[in-house]
């Protein structure tokens, strides 16, 4: 038993606790309540959920923007308001 927690779990009362117990107290009836060790599972899961949620929201926004842009181009090109053309110039000289 190296640690004070081990002593408390084994039923031993450390010396510094003896000084805090009033005289005449039956030590067999003394109960030492120990605080539970901190669990980091909750904050880690929360951080992962927030991160995953942010990624999903960004992907949904990107998808919606892409669909809206595609629909806008389709509507404008169908109405004749927008056209998209690729002009490729020949690399050979026609003057010779």
PDB file of N, CA and C in Angstrom:
ATOM      1  N   UNK A   1       0.855  -1.177   0.000  1.00  0.00           N
ATOM      2  CA  UNK A   1       0.000   0.000   0.000  1.00  0.00           C
ATOM      3  C   UNK A   1       0.896   1.233   0.000  1.00  0.00           C
ATOM      4  N   UNK A   2       1.078   1.781  -1.159  1.00  0.00           N
ATOM      5  CA  UNK A   2       1.949   2.939  -1.299  1.00  0.00           C
ATOM      6  C   UNK A   2       1.164   4.257  -1.245  1.00  0.00           C
ATOM      7  N   UNK A   3      -0.032   4.247  -1.801  1.00  0.00           N
ATOM      8  CA  UNK A   3      -0.799   5.484  -1.917  1.00  0.00           C
ATOM      9  C   UNK A   3      -1.830   5.600  -0.800  1.00  0.00           C
ATOM     10  N   UNK A   4      -2.167   6.830  -0.404  1.00  0.00           N
ATOM     11  CA  UNK A   4      -3.212   7.015   0.622  1.00  0.00           C
ATOM     12  C   UNK A   4      -4.549   6.418   0.191  1.00  0.00           C
ATOM     13  N   UNK A   5      -4.845   6.438  -1.141  1.00  0.00           N
ATOM     14  CA  UNK A   5      -6.104   5.866  -1.607  1.00  0.00           C
ATOM     15  C   UNK A   5      -6.158   4.369  -1.322  1.00  0.00           C
ATOM     16  N   UNK A   6      -4.996   3.699  -1.463  1.00  0.00           N
ATOM     17  CA  UNK A   6      -4.941   2.269  -1.170  1.00  0.00           C
ATOM     18  C   UNK A   6      -5.201   2.007   0.312  1.00  0.00           C
ATOM     19  N   UNK A   7      -4.672   2.868   1.168  1.00  0.00           N
ATOM     20  CA  UNK A   7      -4.890   2.704   2.598  1.00  0.00           C
ATOM     21  C   UNK A   7      -6.360   2.898   2.962  1.00  0.00           C
ATOM     22  N   UNK A   8      -6.999   3.898   2.331  1.00  0.00           N
ATOM     23  CA  UNK A   8      -8.407   4.154   2.641  1.00  0.00           C
ATOM     24  C   UNK A   8      -9.260   2.986   2.154  1.00  0.00           C
ATOM     25  N   UNK A   9      -8.942   2.463   0.960  1.00  0.00           N
ATOM     26  CA  UNK A   9      -9.713   1.327   0.447  1.00  0.00           C
ATOM     27  C   UNK A   9      -9.544   0.098   1.340  1.00  0.00           C
ATOM     28  N   UNK A  10      -8.399  -0.041   1.961  1.00  0.00           N
ATOM     29  CA  UNK A  10      -8.143  -1.204   2.821  1.00  0.00           C
ATOM     30  C   UNK A  10      -8.723  -1.022   4.214  1.00  0.00           C
ATOM     31  N   UNK A  11      -9.287   0.161   4.493  1.00  0.00           N
ATOM     32  CA  UNK A  11      -9.909   0.389   5.791  1.00  0.00           C
ATOM     33  C   UNK A  11      -9.005   1.097   6.782  1.00  0.00           C
ATOM     34  N   UNK A  12      -7.817   1.452   6.403  1.00  0.00           N
ATOM     35  CA  UNK A  12      -6.915   2.163   7.301  1.00  0.00           C
ATOM     36  C   UNK A  12      -7.261   3.648   7.297  1.00  0.00           C
ATOM     37  N   UNK A  13      -7.119   4.266   8.439  1.00  0.00           N
ATOM     38  CA  UNK A  13      -7.360   5.701   8.544  1.00  0.00           C
ATOM     39  C   UNK A  13      -6.003   6.388   8.644  1.00  0.00           C
ATOM     40  N   UNK A  14      -5.652   7.219   7.677  1.00  0.00           N
ATOM     41  CA  UNK A  14      -4.357   7.909   7.714  1.00  0.00           C
ATOM     42  C   UNK A  14      -4.243   8.819   8.943  1.00  0.00           C
ATOM     43  N   UNK A  15      -2.996   9.122   9.310  1.00  0.00           N
ATOM     44  CA  UNK A  15      -2.729   9.884  10.535  1.00  0.00           C
ATOM     45  C   UNK A  15      -3.315  11.279  10.480  1.00  0.00           C
ATOM     46  N   UNK A  16      -3.319  11.910   9.314  1.00  0.00           N
ATOM     47  CA  UNK A  16      -3.856  13.276   9.271  1.00  0.00           C
ATOM     48  C   UNK A  16      -5.377  13.285   9.474  1.00  0.00           C
ATOM     49  N   UNK A  17      -6.052  12.170   9.198  1.00  0.00           N
ATOM     50  CA  UNK A  17      -7.482  12.091   9.478  1.00  0.00           C
ATOM     51  C   UNK A  17      -7.740  11.908  10.974  1.00  0.00           C
ATOM     52  N   UNK A  18      -6.809  11.253  11.675  1.00  0.00           N
ATOM     53  CA  UNK A  18      -6.972  11.045  13.120  1.00  0.00           C
ATOM     54  C   UNK A  18      -7.080  12.373  13.840  1.00  0.00           C
ATOM     55  N   UNK A  19      -6.309  13.354  13.389  1.00  0.00           N
ATOM     56  CA  UNK A  19      -6.321  14.661  14.047  1.00  0.00           C
ATOM     57  C   UNK A  19      -7.651  15.377  13.858  1.00  0.00           C
ATOM     58  N   UNK A  20      -8.380  15.060  12.768  1.00  0.00           N
ATOM     59  CA  UNK A  20      -9.648  15.732  12.486  1.00  0.00           C
ATOM     60  C   UNK A  20     -10.833  15.057  13.177  1.00  0.00           C
ATOM     61  N   UNK A  21     -10.640  13.831  13.660  1.00  0.00           N
ATOM     62  CA  UNK A  21     -11.728  13.103  14.316  1.00  0.00           C
ATOM     63  C   UNK A  21     -11.822  13.559  15.772  1.00  0.00           C
ATOM     64  N   UNK A  22     -13.020  13.916  16.224  1.00  0.00           N
ATOM     65  CA  UNK A  22     -13.156  14.365  17.622  1.00  0.00           C
ATOM     66  C   UNK A  22     -12.827  13.237  18.597  1.00  0.00           C
ATOM     67  N   UNK A  23     -12.283  13.583  19.766  1.00  0.00           N
ATOM     68  CA  UNK A  23     -11.957  12.548  20.743  1.00  0.00           C
ATOM     69  C   UNK A  23     -13.225  11.828  21.219  1.00  0.00           C
ATOM     70  N   UNK A  24     -13.089  10.547  21.473  1.00  0.00           N
ATOM     71  CA  UNK A  24     -14.196   9.742  21.962  1.00  0.00           C
ATOM     72  C   UNK A  24     -15.029   9.130  20.843  1.00  0.00           C
ATOM     73  N   UNK A  25     -14.631   9.338  19.588  1.00  0.00           N
ATOM     74  CA  UNK A  25     -15.380   8.776  18.465  1.00  0.00           C
ATOM     75  C   UNK A  25     -14.986   7.325  18.269  1.00  0.00           C
ATOM     76  N   UNK A  26     -15.982   6.484  18.042  1.00  0.00           N
ATOM     77  CA  UNK A  26     -15.729   5.071  17.770  1.00  0.00           C
ATOM     78  C   UNK A  26     -15.202   4.954  16.337  1.00  0.00           C
ATOM     79  N   UNK A  27     -13.923   4.586  16.218  1.00  0.00           N
ATOM     80  CA  UNK A  27     -13.291   4.551  14.900  1.00  0.00           C
ATOM     81  C   UNK A  27     -13.833   3.422  14.023  1.00  0.00           C
ATOM     82  N   UNK A  28     -14.520   2.455  14.648  1.00  0.00           N
ATOM     83  CA  UNK A  28     -15.115   1.392  13.831  1.00  0.00           C
ATOM     84  C   UNK A  28     -16.342   1.895  13.077  1.00  0.00           C
ATOM     85  N   UNK A  29     -16.885   3.020  13.511  1.00  0.00           N
ATOM     86  CA  UNK A  29     -18.069   3.582  12.865  1.00  0.00           C
ATOM     87  C   UNK A  29     -17.736   4.771  11.960  1.00  0.00           C
ATOM     88  N   UNK A  30     -16.462   5.064  11.813  1.00  0.00           N
ATOM     89  CA  UNK A  30     -16.058   6.178  10.956  1.00  0.00           C
ATOM     90  C   UNK A  30     -16.091   5.709   9.506  1.00  0.00           C
ATOM     91  N   UNK A  31     -16.771   6.483   8.683  1.00  0.00           N
ATOM     92  CA  UNK A  31     -16.846   6.188   7.255  1.00  0.00           C
ATOM     93  C   UNK A  31     -16.169   7.322   6.508  1.00  0.00           C
ATOM     94  N   UNK A  32     -15.212   6.979   5.708  1.00  0.00           N
ATOM     95  CA  UNK A  32     -14.505   7.977   4.900  1.00  0.00           C
ATOM     96  C   UNK A  32     -15.082   7.918   3.496  1.00  0.00           C
ATOM     97  N   UNK A  33     -15.632   9.034   3.086  1.00  0.00           N
ATOM     98  CA  UNK A  33     -16.225   9.115   1.750  1.00  0.00           C
ATOM     99  C   UNK A  33     -15.174   9.714   0.828  1.00  0.00           C
ATOM    100  N   UNK A  34     -14.917   8.983  -0.220  1.00  0.00           N
ATOM    101  CA  UNK A  34     -13.876   9.402  -1.152  1.00  0.00           C
ATOM    102  C   UNK A  34     -14.528   9.874  -2.444  1.00  0.00           C
ATOM    103  N   UNK A  35     -14.014  10.959  -2.976  1.00  0.00           N
ATOM    104  CA  UNK A  35     -14.527  11.483  -4.241  1.00  0.00           C
ATOM    105  C   UNK A  35     -14.139  10.545  -5.377  1.00  0.00           C
ATOM    106  N   UNK A  36     -15.075  10.315  -6.265  1.00  0.00           N
ATOM    107  CA  UNK A  36     -14.802   9.438  -7.404  1.00  0.00           C
ATOM    108  C   UNK A  36     -13.784  10.093  -8.327  1.00  0.00           C
ATOM    109  N   UNK A  37     -12.934   9.295  -8.956  1.00  0.00           N
ATOM    110  CA  UNK A  37     -11.958   9.880  -9.875  1.00  0.00           C
ATOM    111  C   UNK A  37     -12.661  10.514 -11.070  1.00  0.00           C
ATOM    112  N   UNK A  38     -12.059  11.563 -11.576  1.00  0.00           N
ATOM    113  CA  UNK A  38     -12.655  12.302 -12.692  1.00  0.00           C
ATOM    114  C   UNK A  38     -12.658  11.443 -13.944  1.00  0.00           C
ATOM    115  N   UNK A  39     -13.792  11.428 -14.615  1.00  0.00           N
ATOM    116  CA  UNK A  39     -13.921  10.708 -15.874  1.00  0.00           C
ATOM    117  C   UNK A  39     -13.853  11.701 -17.027  1.00  0.00           C
ATOM    118  N   UNK A  40     -12.995  11.417 -17.986  1.00  0.00           N
ATOM    119  CA  UNK A  40     -12.843  12.299 -19.148  1.00  0.00           C
ATOM    120  C   UNK A  40     -13.651  11.792 -20.337  1.00  0.00           C
ATOM    121  N   UNK A  41     -14.415  10.735 -20.149  1.00  0.00           N
ATOM    122  CA  UNK A  41     -15.181  10.164 -21.256  1.00  0.00           C
ATOM    123  C   UNK A  41     -16.204  11.159 -21.793  1.00  0.00           C
ATOM    124  N   UNK A  42     -16.927  11.832 -20.918  1.00  0.00           N
ATOM    125  CA  UNK A  42     -17.958  12.784 -21.338  1.00  0.00           C
ATOM    126  C   UNK A  42     -17.411  13.934 -22.176  1.00  0.00           C
ATOM    127  N   UNK A  43     -16.398  14.664 -21.689  1.00  0.00           N
ATOM    128  CA  UNK A  43     -15.859  15.767 -22.496  1.00  0.00           C
ATOM    129  C   UNK A  43     -15.247  15.308 -23.823  1.00  0.00           C
ATOM    130  N   UNK A  44     -14.629  14.132 -23.838  1.00  0.00           N
ATOM    131  CA  UNK A  44     -14.038  13.639 -25.090  1.00  0.00           C
ATOM    132  C   UNK A  44     -15.139  13.301 -26.087  1.00  0.00           C
ATOM    133  N   UNK A  45     -16.185  12.622 -25.626  1.00  0.00           N
ATOM    134  CA  UNK A  45     -17.292  12.286 -26.523  1.00  0.00           C
ATOM    135  C   UNK A  45     -17.974  13.558 -27.017  1.00  0.00           C
ATOM    136  N   UNK A  46     -18.135  14.532 -26.143  1.00  0.00           N
ATOM    137  CA  UNK A  46     -18.748  15.797 -26.546  1.00  0.00           C
ATOM    138  C   UNK A  46     -17.920  16.491 -27.622  1.00  0.00           C
ATOM    139  N   UNK A  47     -16.609  16.516 -27.455  1.00  0.00           N
ATOM    140  CA  UNK A  47     -15.742  17.143 -28.459  1.00  0.00           C
ATOM    141  C   UNK A  47     -15.828  16.413 -29.799  1.00  0.00           C
ATOM    142  N   UNK A  48     -15.880  15.079 -29.757  1.00  0.00           N
ATOM    143  CA  UNK A  48     -15.992  14.314 -31.005  1.00  0.00           C
ATOM    144  C   UNK A  48     -17.341  14.551 -31.683  1.00  0.00           C
ATOM    145  N   UNK A  49     -18.397  14.618 -30.902  1.00  0.00           N
ATOM    146  CA  UNK A  49     -19.727  14.859 -31.476  1.00  0.00           C
ATOM    147  C   UNK A  49     -19.802  16.252 -32.099  1.00  0.00           C
ATOM    148  N   UNK A  50     -19.253  17.251 -31.416  1.00  0.00           N
ATOM    149  CA  UNK A  50     -19.258  18.613 -31.954  1.00  0.00           C
ATOM    150  C   UNK A  50     -18.447  18.679 -33.239  1.00  0.00           C
ATOM    151  N   UNK A  51     -17.279  18.033 -33.261  1.00  0.00           N
ATOM    152  CA  UNK A  51     -16.445  18.035 -34.460  1.00  0.00           C
ATOM    153  C   UNK A  51     -17.140  17.329 -35.614  1.00  0.00           C
ATOM    154  N   UNK A  52     -17.702  16.167 -35.356  1.00  0.00           N
ATOM    155  CA  UNK A  52     -18.407  15.426 -36.412  1.00  0.00           C
ATOM    156  C   UNK A  52     -19.620  16.211 -36.899  1.00  0.00           C
ATOM    157  N   UNK A  53     -20.331  16.837 -35.995  1.00  0.00           N
ATOM    158  CA  UNK A  53     -21.484  17.649 -36.386  1.00  0.00           C
ATOM    159  C   UNK A  53     -21.085  18.819 -37.259  1.00  0.00           C
ATOM    160  N   UNK A  54     -19.978  19.466 -36.927  1.00  0.00           N
ATOM    161  CA  UNK A  54     -19.496  20.585 -37.731  1.00  0.00           C
ATOM    162  C   UNK A  54     -19.124  20.127 -39.137  1.00  0.00           C
ATOM    163  N   UNK A  55     -18.462  18.988 -39.230  1.00  0.00           N
ATOM    164  CA  UNK A  55     -18.079  18.460 -40.541  1.00  0.00           C
ATOM    165  C   UNK A  55     -19.321  18.130 -41.361  1.00  0.00           C
ATOM    166  N   UNK A  56     -20.309  17.514 -40.744  1.00  0.00           N
ATOM    167  CA  UNK A  56     -21.542  17.169 -41.465  1.00  0.00           C
ATOM    168  C   UNK A  56     -22.256  18.429 -41.938  1.00  0.00           C
ATOM    169  N   UNK A  57     -22.318  19.443 -41.085  1.00  0.00           N
ATOM    170  CA  UNK A  57     -22.981  20.692 -41.480  1.00  0.00           C
ATOM    171  C   UNK A  57     -22.247  21.329 -42.658  1.00  0.00           C
ATOM    172  N   UNK A  58     -20.926  21.349 -42.623  1.00  0.00           N
ATOM    173  CA  UNK A  58     -20.161  21.931 -43.733  1.00  0.00           C
ATOM    174  C   UNK A  58     -20.361  21.143 -45.023  1.00  0.00           C
ATOM    175  N   UNK A  59     -20.411  19.818 -44.932  1.00  0.00           N
ATOM    176  CA  UNK A  59     -20.641  19.009 -46.130  1.00  0.00           C
ATOM    177  C   UNK A  59     -22.036  19.252 -46.696  1.00  0.00           C
ATOM    178  N   UNK A  60     -23.033  19.372 -45.845  1.00  0.00           N
ATOM    179  CA  UNK A  60     -24.386  19.645 -46.313  1.00  0.00           C
ATOM    180  C   UNK A  60     -24.456  21.014 -46.973  1.00  0.00           C
ATOM    181  N   UNK A  61     -23.812  22.008 -46.378  1.00  0.00           N
ATOM    182  CA  UNK A  61     -23.801  23.351 -46.967  1.00  0.00           C
ATOM    183  C   UNK A  61     -23.117  23.315 -48.329  1.00  0.00           C
ATOM    184  N   UNK A  62     -21.982  22.625 -48.432  1.00  0.00           N
ATOM    185  CA  UNK A  62     -21.274  22.537 -49.716  1.00  0.00           C
ATOM    186  C   UNK A  62     -22.138  21.845 -50.763  1.00  0.00           C
ATOM    187  N   UNK A  63     -22.827  20.791 -50.385  1.00  0.00           N
ATOM    188  CA  UNK A  63     -23.696  20.073 -51.326  1.00  0.00           C
ATOM    189  C   UNK A  63     -24.849  20.959 -51.784  1.00  0.00           C
ATOM    190  N   UNK A  64     -25.472  21.675 -50.862  1.00  0.00           N
ATOM    191  CA  UNK A  64     -26.592  22.549 -51.209  1.00  0.00           C
ATOM    192  C   UNK A  64     -26.127  23.670 -52.139  1.00  0.00           C
ATOM    193  N   UNK A  65     -24.975  24.256 -51.857  1.00  0.00           N
ATOM    194  CA  UNK A  65     -24.443  25.322 -52.715  1.00  0.00           C
ATOM    195  C   UNK A  65     -24.176  24.775 -54.116  1.00  0.00           C
ATOM    196  N   UNK A  66     -23.622  23.581 -54.196  1.00  0.00           N
ATOM    197  CA  UNK A  66     -23.345  22.974 -55.493  1.00  0.00           C
ATOM    198  C   UNK A  66     -24.636  22.719 -56.271  1.00  0.00           C
ATOM    199  N   UNK A  67     -25.654  22.199 -55.611  1.00  0.00           N
ATOM    200  CA  UNK A  67     -26.935  21.934 -56.284  1.00  0.00           C
ATOM    201  C   UNK A  67     -27.582  23.233 -56.735  1.00  0.00           C
ATOM    202  N   UNK A  68     -27.562  24.247 -55.892  1.00  0.00           N
ATOM    203  CA  UNK A  68     -28.157  25.538 -56.256  1.00  0.00           C
ATOM    204  C   UNK A  68     -27.411  26.155 -57.428  1.00  0.00           C
ATOM    205  N   UNK A  69     -26.091  26.102 -57.424  1.00  0.00           N
ATOM    206  CA  UNK A  69     -25.316  26.660 -58.534  1.00  0.00           C
ATOM    207  C   UNK A  69     -25.593  25.895 -59.824  1.00  0.00           C
ATOM    208  N   UNK A  70     -25.654  24.581 -59.743  1.00  0.00           N
ATOM    209  CA  UNK A  70     -25.963  23.787 -60.927  1.00  0.00           C
ATOM    210  C   UNK A  70     -27.346  24.080 -61.463  1.00  0.00           C
ATOM    211  N   UNK A  71     -28.309  24.230 -60.580  1.00  0.00           N
ATOM    212  CA  UNK A  71     -29.671  24.553 -61.010  1.00  0.00           C
ATOM    213  C   UNK A  71     -29.730  25.939 -61.631  1.00  0.00           C
ATOM    214  N   UNK A  72     -28.996  26.879 -61.057  1.00  0.00           N
ATOM    215  CA  UNK A  72     -28.992  28.238 -61.607  1.00  0.00           C
ATOM    216  C   UNK A  72     -28.382  28.250 -63.011  1.00  0.00           C
ATOM    217  N   UNK A  73     -27.299  27.545 -63.213  1.00  0.00           N
ATOM    218  CA  UNK A  73     -26.670  27.477 -64.534  1.00  0.00           C
ATOM    219  C   UNK A  73     -27.601  26.798 -65.525  1.00  0.00           C
ATOM    220  N   UNK A  74     -28.269  25.734 -65.101  1.00  0.00           N
ATOM    221  CA  UNK A  74     -29.198  25.032 -65.992  1.00  0.00           C
ATOM    222  C   UNK A  74     -30.361  25.925 -66.393  1.00  0.00           C
ATOM    223  N   UNK A  75     -30.912  26.664 -65.452  1.00  0.00           N
ATOM    224  CA  UNK A  75     -32.045  27.541 -65.754  1.00  0.00           C
ATOM    225  C   UNK A  75     -31.604  28.675 -66.669  1.00  0.00           C
ATOM    226  N   UNK A  76     -30.474  29.286 -66.364  1.00  0.00           N
ATOM    227  CA  UNK A  76     -30.010  30.409 -67.177  1.00  0.00           C
ATOM    228  C   UNK A  76     -29.625  29.970 -68.591  1.00  0.00           C
ATOM    229  N   UNK A  77     -29.012  28.801 -68.720  1.00  0.00           N
ATOM    230  CA  UNK A  77     -28.649  28.351 -70.055  1.00  0.00           C
ATOM    231  C   UNK A  77     -29.878  27.907 -70.840  1.00  0.00           C
ATOM    232  N   UNK A  78     -30.896  27.394 -70.175  1.00  0.00           N
ATOM    233  CA  UNK A  78     -32.119  26.984 -70.855  1.00  0.00           C
ATOM    234  C   UNK A  78     -32.918  28.190 -71.336  1.00  0.00           C
ATOM    235  N   UNK A  79     -32.835  29.279 -70.610  1.00  0.00           N
ATOM    236  CA  UNK A  79     -33.559  30.489 -71.004  1.00  0.00           C
ATOM    237  C   UNK A  79     -32.739  31.347 -71.948  1.00  0.00           C
ATOM    238  N   UNK A  80     -31.526  30.962 -72.228  1.00  0.00           N
ATOM    239  CA  UNK A  80     -30.692  31.735 -73.146  1.00  0.00           C
ATOM    240  C   UNK A  80     -29.958  32.877 -72.483  1.00  0.00           C
ATOM    241  N   UNK A  81     -30.017  32.956 -71.206  1.00  0.00           N
ATOM    242  CA  UNK A  81     -29.352  34.058 -70.513  1.00  0.00           C
ATOM    243  C   UNK A  81     -27.892  33.793 -70.239  1.00  0.00           C
ATOM    244  N   UNK A  82     -27.452  32.557 -70.385  1.00  0.00           N
ATOM    245  CA  UNK A  82     -26.065  32.225 -70.078  1.00  0.00           C
ATOM    246  C   UNK A  82     -25.629  31.105 -70.999  1.00  0.00           C
ATOM    247  N   UNK A  83     -24.475  31.265 -71.533  1.00  0.00           N
ATOM    248  CA  UNK A  83     -23.940  30.175 -72.358  1.00  0.00           C
ATOM    249  C   UNK A  83     -22.504  29.951 -71.950  1.00  0.00           C
ATOM    250  N   UNK A  84     -22.068  28.751 -72.130  1.00  0.00           N
ATOM    251  CA  UNK A  84     -20.716  28.381 -71.740  1.00  0.00           C
ATOM    252  C   UNK A  84     -20.066  27.747 -72.956  1.00  0.00           C
ATOM    253  N   UNK A  85     -18.996  28.324 -73.406  1.00  0.00           N
ATOM    254  CA  UNK A  85     -18.331  27.805 -74.601  1.00  0.00           C
ATOM    255  C   UNK A  85     -16.842  27.726 -74.339  1.00  0.00           C
ATOM    256  N   UNK A  86     -16.239  26.721 -74.923  1.00  0.00           N
ATOM    257  CA  UNK A  86     -14.790  26.558 -74.831  1.00  0.00           C
ATOM    258  C   UNK A  86     -14.216  26.827 -76.217  1.00  0.00           C
ATOM    259  N   UNK A  87     -13.391  27.823 -76.317  1.00  0.00           N
ATOM    260  CA  UNK A  87     -12.740  28.142 -77.592  1.00  0.00           C
ATOM    261  C   UNK A  87     -11.319  27.624 -77.541  1.00  0.00           C
ATOM    262  N   UNK A  88     -11.018  26.737 -78.471  1.00  0.00           N
ATOM    263  CA  UNK A  88      -9.669  26.210 -78.550  1.00  0.00           C
ATOM    264  C   UNK A  88      -9.037  26.718 -79.809  1.00  0.00           C
ATOM    265  N   UNK A  89      -7.920  27.367 -79.662  1.00  0.00           N
ATOM    266  CA  UNK A  89      -7.223  27.858 -80.839  1.00  0.00           C
ATOM    267  C   UNK A  89      -6.260  26.824 -81.321  1.00  0.00           C
ATOM    268  N   UNK A  90      -6.061  26.778 -82.598  1.00  0.00           N
ATOM    269  CA  UNK A  90      -5.148  25.815 -83.186  1.00  0.00           C
ATOM    270  C   UNK A  90      -3.728  26.272 -82.949  1.00  0.00           C
ATOM    271  N   UNK A  91      -2.841  25.337 -82.689  1.00  0.00           N
ATOM    272  CA  UNK A  91      -1.448  25.691 -82.431  1.00  0.00           C
ATOM    273  C   UNK A  91      -0.636  25.793 -83.716  1.00  0.00           C
ATOM    274  N   UNK A  92      -1.193  25.296 -84.815  1.00  0.00           N
ATOM    275  CA  UNK A  92      -0.468  25.412 -86.107  1.00  0.00           C
ATOM    276  C   UNK A  92      -0.819  26.734 -86.769  1.00  0.00           C
ATOM    277  N   UNK A  93       0.136  27.289 -87.483  1.00  0.00           N
ATOM    278  CA  UNK A  93      -0.099  28.563 -88.156  1.00  0.00           C
ATOM    279  C   UNK A  93      -0.796  28.310 -89.483  1.00  0.00           C
ATOM    280  N   UNK A  94      -1.824  29.013 -89.703  1.00  0.00           N
ATOM    281  CA  UNK A  94      -2.583  28.858 -90.929  1.00  0.00           C
ATOM    282  C   UNK A  94      -2.022  29.749 -92.047  1.00  0.00           C
ATOM    283  N   UNK A  95      -1.173  30.644 -91.735  1.00  0.00           N
ATOM    284  CA  UNK A  95      -0.653  31.587 -92.740  1.00  0.00           C
ATOM    285  C   UNK A  95       0.387  30.963 -93.644  1.00  0.00           C
ATOM    286  N   UNK A  96       1.004  29.902 -93.378  1.00  0.00           N
ATOM    287  CA  UNK A  96       2.074  29.329 -94.189  1.00  0.00           C
ATOM    288  C   UNK A  96       1.591  28.467 -95.274  1.00  0.00           C
TER     289      UNK A  96
END
